[in-house]
Amino acid sequence: MNTMEETFLEKAWDDLLSQEPQRIESRFKSLDDNSQKVVIEHLQNMVTDSGWHPMQVISAQKALETISNLEF
């Protein structure tokens, strides 16, 4: 993975885990369908799997809540 891809991914996850509905929505809607599915699966794993920092779990829950309320 090159530096541009790493930077994009870091910014994308920063937005998705920001706990700010507008940032979450904007970033999620900017992703293609496959990427959206991958993000949802990963967020669900963050909520259900052990080993995540409590703030990461809270952020993942907020992201899933925001995404589930989106209208397409």
PDB file of N, CA and C in Angstrom:
ATOM      1  N   MET A   1       0.848  -1.171   0.000  1.00  0.00           N
ATOM      2  CA  MET A   1       0.000   0.000   0.000  1.00  0.00           C
ATOM      3  C   MET A   1       0.896   1.239   0.000  1.00  0.00           C
ATOM      4  N   ASN A   2       0.561   2.166  -0.868  1.00  0.00           N
ATOM      5  CA  ASN A   2       1.386   3.377  -0.928  1.00  0.00           C
ATOM      6  C   ASN A   2       0.892   4.424   0.075  1.00  0.00           C
ATOM      7  N   THR A   3       1.664   5.468   0.197  1.00  0.00           N
ATOM      8  CA  THR A   3       1.385   6.502   1.198  1.00  0.00           C
ATOM      9  C   THR A   3       0.033   7.171   0.974  1.00  0.00           C
ATOM     10  N   MET A   4      -0.334   7.415  -0.290  1.00  0.00           N
ATOM     11  CA  MET A   4      -1.631   8.049  -0.568  1.00  0.00           C
ATOM     12  C   MET A   4      -2.780   7.161  -0.100  1.00  0.00           C
ATOM     13  N   GLU A   5      -2.672   5.845  -0.354  1.00  0.00           N
ATOM     14  CA  GLU A   5      -3.722   4.928   0.082  1.00  0.00           C
ATOM     15  C   GLU A   5      -3.807   4.888   1.601  1.00  0.00           C
ATOM     16  N   GLU A   6      -2.651   4.861   2.261  1.00  0.00           N
ATOM     17  CA  GLU A   6      -2.625   4.849   3.721  1.00  0.00           C
ATOM     18  C   GLU A   6      -3.256   6.116   4.283  1.00  0.00           C
ATOM     19  N   THR A   7      -2.933   7.253   3.700  1.00  0.00           N
ATOM     20  CA  THR A   7      -3.496   8.521   4.151  1.00  0.00           C
ATOM     21  C   THR A   7      -5.008   8.532   3.953  1.00  0.00           C
ATOM     22  N   PHE A   8      -5.475   8.058   2.798  1.00  0.00           N
ATOM     23  CA  PHE A   8      -6.910   7.997   2.528  1.00  0.00           C
ATOM     24  C   PHE A   8      -7.607   7.121   3.564  1.00  0.00           C
ATOM     25  N   LEU A   9      -7.039   5.939   3.814  1.00  0.00           N
ATOM     26  CA  LEU A   9      -7.653   5.026   4.776  1.00  0.00           C
ATOM     27  C   LEU A   9      -7.667   5.612   6.185  1.00  0.00           C
ATOM     28  N   GLU A  10      -6.587   6.256   6.577  1.00  0.00           N
ATOM     29  CA  GLU A  10      -6.537   6.885   7.900  1.00  0.00           C
ATOM     30  C   GLU A  10      -7.611   7.960   8.027  1.00  0.00           C
ATOM     31  N   LYS A  11      -7.736   8.798   7.010  1.00  0.00           N
ATOM     32  CA  LYS A  11      -8.742   9.866   7.041  1.00  0.00           C
ATOM     33  C   LYS A  11     -10.151   9.282   7.022  1.00  0.00           C
ATOM     34  N   ALA A  12     -10.342   8.228   6.222  1.00  0.00           N
ATOM     35  CA  ALA A  12     -11.657   7.594   6.142  1.00  0.00           C
ATOM     36  C   ALA A  12     -12.070   7.044   7.501  1.00  0.00           C
ATOM     37  N   TRP A  13     -11.164   6.322   8.155  1.00  0.00           N
ATOM     38  CA  TRP A  13     -11.498   5.763   9.470  1.00  0.00           C
ATOM     39  C   TRP A  13     -11.611   6.853  10.526  1.00  0.00           C
ATOM     40  N   ASP A  14     -10.828   7.902  10.413  1.00  0.00           N
ATOM     41  CA  ASP A  14     -10.980   9.040  11.335  1.00  0.00           C
ATOM     42  C   ASP A  14     -12.397   9.601  11.245  1.00  0.00           C
ATOM     43  N   ASP A  15     -12.893   9.735  10.021  1.00  0.00           N
ATOM     44  CA  ASP A  15     -14.254  10.243   9.826  1.00  0.00           C
ATOM     45  C   ASP A  15     -15.293   9.249  10.343  1.00  0.00           C
ATOM     46  N   LEU A  16     -15.140   7.988   9.973  1.00  0.00           N
ATOM     47  CA  LEU A  16     -16.124   6.980  10.343  1.00  0.00           C
ATOM     48  C   LEU A  16     -16.204   6.769  11.855  1.00  0.00           C
ATOM     49  N   LEU A  17     -15.095   6.961  12.548  1.00  0.00           N
ATOM     50  CA  LEU A  17     -15.065   6.752  13.999  1.00  0.00           C
ATOM     51  C   LEU A  17     -15.088   8.067  14.781  1.00  0.00           C
ATOM     52  N   SER A  18     -15.478   9.144  14.121  1.00  0.00           N
ATOM     53  CA  SER A  18     -15.434  10.485  14.727  1.00  0.00           C
ATOM     54  C   SER A  18     -16.540  10.741  15.751  1.00  0.00           C
ATOM     55  N   GLN A  19     -17.586   9.932  15.738  1.00  0.00           N
ATOM     56  CA  GLN A  19     -18.789  10.143  16.555  1.00  0.00           C
ATOM     57  C   GLN A  19     -19.560  11.386  16.126  1.00  0.00           C
ATOM     58  N   GLU A  20     -19.243  11.912  14.948  1.00  0.00           N
ATOM     59  CA  GLU A  20     -19.930  13.081  14.394  1.00  0.00           C
ATOM     60  C   GLU A  20     -20.773  12.625  13.202  1.00  0.00           C
ATOM     61  N   PRO A  21     -22.099  12.586  13.370  1.00  0.00           N
ATOM     62  CA  PRO A  21     -22.968  12.046  12.323  1.00  0.00           C
ATOM     63  C   PRO A  21     -22.724  12.609  10.922  1.00  0.00           C
ATOM     64  N   GLN A  22     -22.477  13.904  10.801  1.00  0.00           N
ATOM     65  CA  GLN A  22     -22.272  14.486   9.470  1.00  0.00           C
ATOM     66  C   GLN A  22     -21.006  13.943   8.815  1.00  0.00           C
ATOM     67  N   ARG A  23     -19.935  13.824   9.581  1.00  0.00           N
ATOM     68  CA  ARG A  23     -18.682  13.274   9.041  1.00  0.00           C
ATOM     69  C   ARG A  23     -18.851  11.804   8.683  1.00  0.00           C
ATOM     70  N   ILE A  24     -19.534  11.060   9.545  1.00  0.00           N
ATOM     71  CA  ILE A  24     -19.757   9.638   9.289  1.00  0.00           C
ATOM     72  C   ILE A  24     -20.563   9.468   8.006  1.00  0.00           C
ATOM     73  N   GLU A  25     -21.661  10.199   7.903  1.00  0.00           N
ATOM     74  CA  GLU A  25     -22.533  10.093   6.731  1.00  0.00           C
ATOM     75  C   GLU A  25     -21.800  10.480   5.453  1.00  0.00           C
ATOM     76  N   SER A  26     -21.111  11.586   5.484  1.00  0.00           N
ATOM     77  CA  SER A  26     -20.409  12.064   4.298  1.00  0.00           C
ATOM     78  C   SER A  26     -19.377  11.047   3.822  1.00  0.00           C
ATOM     79  N   ARG A  27     -18.586  10.545   4.740  1.00  0.00           N
ATOM     80  CA  ARG A  27     -17.552   9.579   4.359  1.00  0.00           C
ATOM     81  C   ARG A  27     -18.176   8.280   3.875  1.00  0.00           C
ATOM     82  N   PHE A  28     -19.172   7.773   4.587  1.00  0.00           N
ATOM     83  CA  PHE A  28     -19.787   6.508   4.212  1.00  0.00           C
ATOM     84  C   PHE A  28     -20.406   6.599   2.822  1.00  0.00           C
ATOM     85  N   LYS A  29     -21.112   7.686   2.550  1.00  0.00           N
ATOM     86  CA  LYS A  29     -21.750   7.850   1.241  1.00  0.00           C
ATOM     87  C   LYS A  29     -20.735   8.024   0.118  1.00  0.00           C
ATOM     88  N   SER A  30     -19.505   8.413   0.451  1.00  0.00           N
ATOM     89  CA  SER A  30     -18.478   8.586  -0.580  1.00  0.00           C
ATOM     90  C   SER A  30     -17.866   7.257  -1.019  1.00  0.00           C
ATOM     91  N   LEU A  31     -18.166   6.190  -0.287  1.00  0.00           N
ATOM     92  CA  LEU A  31     -17.592   4.880  -0.587  1.00  0.00           C
ATOM     93  C   LEU A  31     -18.459   4.116  -1.579  1.00  0.00           C
ATOM     94  N   ASP A  32     -17.825   3.229  -2.350  1.00  0.00           N
ATOM     95  CA  ASP A  32     -18.599   2.376  -3.256  1.00  0.00           C
ATOM     96  C   ASP A  32     -19.313   1.290  -2.439  1.00  0.00           C
ATOM     97  N   ASP A  33     -20.228   0.576  -3.083  1.00  0.00           N
ATOM     98  CA  ASP A  33     -21.051  -0.413  -2.382  1.00  0.00           C
ATOM     99  C   ASP A  33     -20.218  -1.461  -1.658  1.00  0.00           C
ATOM    100  N   ASN A  34     -19.198  -1.989  -2.329  1.00  0.00           N
ATOM    101  CA  ASN A  34     -18.368  -3.017  -1.717  1.00  0.00           C
ATOM    102  C   ASN A  34     -17.647  -2.473  -0.485  1.00  0.00           C
ATOM    103  N   SER A  35     -17.098  -1.278  -0.594  1.00  0.00           N
ATOM    104  CA  SER A  35     -16.399  -0.669   0.537  1.00  0.00           C
ATOM    105  C   SER A  35     -17.355  -0.414   1.699  1.00  0.00           C
ATOM    106  N   GLN A  36     -18.583  -0.021   1.387  1.00  0.00           N
ATOM    107  CA  GLN A  36     -19.574   0.184   2.442  1.00  0.00           C
ATOM    108  C   GLN A  36     -19.838  -1.113   3.200  1.00  0.00           C
ATOM    109  N   LYS A  37     -19.940  -2.222   2.466  1.00  0.00           N
ATOM    110  CA  LYS A  37     -20.169  -3.521   3.110  1.00  0.00           C
ATOM    111  C   LYS A  37     -18.995  -3.894   4.004  1.00  0.00           C
ATOM    112  N   VAL A  38     -17.778  -3.665   3.521  1.00  0.00           N
ATOM    113  CA  VAL A  38     -16.577  -3.971   4.303  1.00  0.00           C
ATOM    114  C   VAL A  38     -16.550  -3.132   5.578  1.00  0.00           C
ATOM    115  N   VAL A  39     -16.886  -1.856   5.463  1.00  0.00           N
ATOM    116  CA  VAL A  39     -16.904  -0.957   6.619  1.00  0.00           C
ATOM    117  C   VAL A  39     -17.924  -1.437   7.652  1.00  0.00           C
ATOM    118  N   ILE A  40     -19.123  -1.768   7.208  1.00  0.00           N
ATOM    119  CA  ILE A  40     -20.161  -2.229   8.135  1.00  0.00           C
ATOM    120  C   ILE A  40     -19.715  -3.500   8.849  1.00  0.00           C
ATOM    121  N   GLU A  41     -19.150  -4.449   8.105  1.00  0.00           N
ATOM    122  CA  GLU A  41     -18.676  -5.692   8.720  1.00  0.00           C
ATOM    123  C   GLU A  41     -17.599  -5.406   9.765  1.00  0.00           C
ATOM    124  N   HIS A  42     -16.675  -4.514   9.432  1.00  0.00           N
ATOM    125  CA  HIS A  42     -15.595  -4.200  10.368  1.00  0.00           C
ATOM    126  C   HIS A  42     -16.137  -3.497  11.614  1.00  0.00           C
ATOM    127  N   LEU A  43     -17.042  -2.567  11.424  1.00  0.00           N
ATOM    128  CA  LEU A  43     -17.642  -1.876  12.570  1.00  0.00           C
ATOM    129  C   LEU A  43     -18.390  -2.864  13.469  1.00  0.00           C
ATOM    130  N   GLN A  44     -19.104  -3.806  12.859  1.00  0.00           N
ATOM    131  CA  GLN A  44     -19.812  -4.817  13.643  1.00  0.00           C
ATOM    132  C   GLN A  44     -18.826  -5.668  14.440  1.00  0.00           C
ATOM    133  N   ASN A  45     -17.699  -6.013  13.824  1.00  0.00           N
ATOM    134  CA  ASN A  45     -16.666  -6.771  14.537  1.00  0.00           C
ATOM    135  C   ASN A  45     -16.100  -5.963  15.696  1.00  0.00           C
ATOM    136  N   MET A  46     -15.922  -4.672  15.487  1.00  0.00           N
ATOM    137  CA  MET A  46     -15.402  -3.820  16.559  1.00  0.00           C
ATOM    138  C   MET A  46     -16.347  -3.803  17.760  1.00  0.00           C
ATOM    139  N   VAL A  47     -17.635  -3.862  17.491  1.00  0.00           N
ATOM    140  CA  VAL A  47     -18.632  -3.818  18.560  1.00  0.00           C
ATOM    141  C   VAL A  47     -18.734  -5.163  19.281  1.00  0.00           C
ATOM    142  N   THR A  48     -18.576  -6.262  18.547  1.00  0.00           N
ATOM    143  CA  THR A  48     -18.830  -7.580  19.136  1.00  0.00           C
ATOM    144  C   THR A  48     -17.579  -8.329  19.569  1.00  0.00           C
ATOM    145  N   ASP A  49     -16.440  -8.065  18.967  1.00  0.00           N
ATOM    146  CA  ASP A  49     -15.215  -8.795  19.296  1.00  0.00           C
ATOM    147  C   ASP A  49     -14.498  -8.148  20.474  1.00  0.00           C
ATOM    148  N   SER A  50     -13.805  -8.967  21.238  1.00  0.00           N
ATOM    149  CA  SER A  50     -13.032  -8.430  22.358  1.00  0.00           C
ATOM    150  C   SER A  50     -11.709  -7.861  21.853  1.00  0.00           C
ATOM    151  N   GLY A  51     -11.075  -7.067  22.687  1.00  0.00           N
ATOM    152  CA  GLY A  51      -9.756  -6.536  22.363  1.00  0.00           C
ATOM    153  C   GLY A  51      -9.741  -5.102  21.877  1.00  0.00           C
ATOM    154  N   TRP A  52     -10.911  -4.526  21.633  1.00  0.00           N
ATOM    155  CA  TRP A  52     -10.975  -3.134  21.190  1.00  0.00           C
ATOM    156  C   TRP A  52     -11.037  -2.224  22.407  1.00  0.00           C
ATOM    157  N   HIS A  53     -10.442  -1.060  22.283  1.00  0.00           N
ATOM    158  CA  HIS A  53     -10.503  -0.060  23.350  1.00  0.00           C
ATOM    159  C   HIS A  53     -11.960   0.378  23.504  1.00  0.00           C
ATOM    160  N   PRO A  54     -12.418   0.613  24.729  1.00  0.00           N
ATOM    161  CA  PRO A  54     -13.817   1.013  24.940  1.00  0.00           C
ATOM    162  C   PRO A  54     -14.263   2.212  24.096  1.00  0.00           C
ATOM    163  N   MET A  55     -13.390   3.192  23.894  1.00  0.00           N
ATOM    164  CA  MET A  55     -13.767   4.347  23.060  1.00  0.00           C
ATOM    165  C   MET A  55     -13.931   3.945  21.598  1.00  0.00           C
ATOM    166  N   GLN A  56     -13.149   2.962  21.142  1.00  0.00           N
ATOM    167  CA  GLN A  56     -13.307   2.478  19.772  1.00  0.00           C
ATOM    168  C   GLN A  56     -14.656   1.788  19.613  1.00  0.00           C
ATOM    169  N   VAL A  57     -15.053   1.039  20.626  1.00  0.00           N
ATOM    170  CA  VAL A  57     -16.350   0.357  20.589  1.00  0.00           C
ATOM    171  C   VAL A  57     -17.481   1.383  20.542  1.00  0.00           C
ATOM    172  N   ILE A  58     -17.395   2.401  21.366  1.00  0.00           N
ATOM    173  CA  ILE A  58     -18.410   3.464  21.376  1.00  0.00           C
ATOM    174  C   ILE A  58     -18.465   4.165  20.019  1.00  0.00           C
ATOM    175  N   SER A  59     -17.310   4.451  19.449  1.00  0.00           N
ATOM    176  CA  SER A  59     -17.253   5.113  18.143  1.00  0.00           C
ATOM    177  C   SER A  59     -17.847   4.222  17.059  1.00  0.00           C
ATOM    178  N   ALA A  60     -17.553   2.935  17.117  1.00  0.00           N
ATOM    179  CA  ALA A  60     -18.101   1.996  16.132  1.00  0.00           C
ATOM    180  C   ALA A  60     -19.616   1.905  16.274  1.00  0.00           C
ATOM    181  N   GLN A  61     -20.108   1.883  17.505  1.00  0.00           N
ATOM    182  CA  GLN A  61     -21.558   1.852  17.737  1.00  0.00           C
ATOM    183  C   GLN A  61     -22.228   3.097  17.161  1.00  0.00           C
ATOM    184  N   LYS A  62     -21.629   4.255  17.381  1.00  0.00           N
ATOM    185  CA  LYS A  62     -22.182   5.511  16.859  1.00  0.00           C
ATOM    186  C   LYS A  62     -22.190   5.492  15.335  1.00  0.00           C
ATOM    187  N   ALA A  63     -21.118   4.979  14.745  1.00  0.00           N
ATOM    188  CA  ALA A  63     -21.050   4.896  13.284  1.00  0.00           C
ATOM    189  C   ALA A  63     -22.140   3.974  12.749  1.00  0.00           C
ATOM    190  N   LEU A  64     -22.311   2.810  13.362  1.00  0.00           N
ATOM    191  CA  LEU A  64     -23.350   1.878  12.915  1.00  0.00           C
ATOM    192  C   LEU A  64     -24.738   2.487  13.075  1.00  0.00           C
ATOM    193  N   GLU A  65     -24.959   3.184  14.164  1.00  0.00           N
ATOM    194  CA  GLU A  65     -26.242   3.851  14.393  1.00  0.00           C
ATOM    195  C   GLU A  65     -26.501   4.902  13.312  1.00  0.00           C
ATOM    196  N   THR A  66     -25.497   5.703  13.023  1.00  0.00           N
ATOM    197  CA  THR A  66     -25.632   6.747  12.005  1.00  0.00           C
ATOM    198  C   THR A  66     -25.890   6.129  10.638  1.00  0.00           C
ATOM    199  N   ILE A  67     -25.120   5.105  10.293  1.00  0.00           N
ATOM    200  CA  ILE A  67     -25.260   4.448   8.989  1.00  0.00           C
ATOM    201  C   ILE A  67     -26.638   3.806   8.857  1.00  0.00           C
ATOM    202  N   SER A  68     -27.128   3.188   9.925  1.00  0.00           N
ATOM    203  CA  SER A  68     -28.429   2.518   9.849  1.00  0.00           C
ATOM    204  C   SER A  68     -29.574   3.508   9.653  1.00  0.00           C
ATOM    205  N   ASN A  69     -29.356   4.769   9.994  1.00  0.00           N
ATOM    206  CA  ASN A  69     -30.388   5.796   9.832  1.00  0.00           C
ATOM    207  C   ASN A  69     -30.308   6.546   8.502  1.00  0.00           C
ATOM    208  N   LEU A  70     -29.339   6.188   7.668  1.00  0.00           N
ATOM    209  CA  LEU A  70     -29.181   6.885   6.389  1.00  0.00           C
ATOM    210  C   LEU A  70     -30.281   6.493   5.419  1.00  0.00           C
ATOM    211  N   GLU A  71     -30.667   7.447   4.607  1.00  0.00           N
ATOM    212  CA  GLU A  71     -31.631   7.198   3.535  1.00  0.00           C
ATOM    213  C   GLU A  71     -30.904   7.317   2.213  1.00  0.00           C
ATOM    214  N   PHE A  72     -31.056   6.299   1.396  1.00  0.00           N
ATOM    215  CA  PHE A  72     -30.408   6.311   0.071  1.00  0.00           C
ATOM    216  C   PHE A  72     -31.431   6.455  -1.014  1.00  0.00           C
TER     217      PHE A  72
END
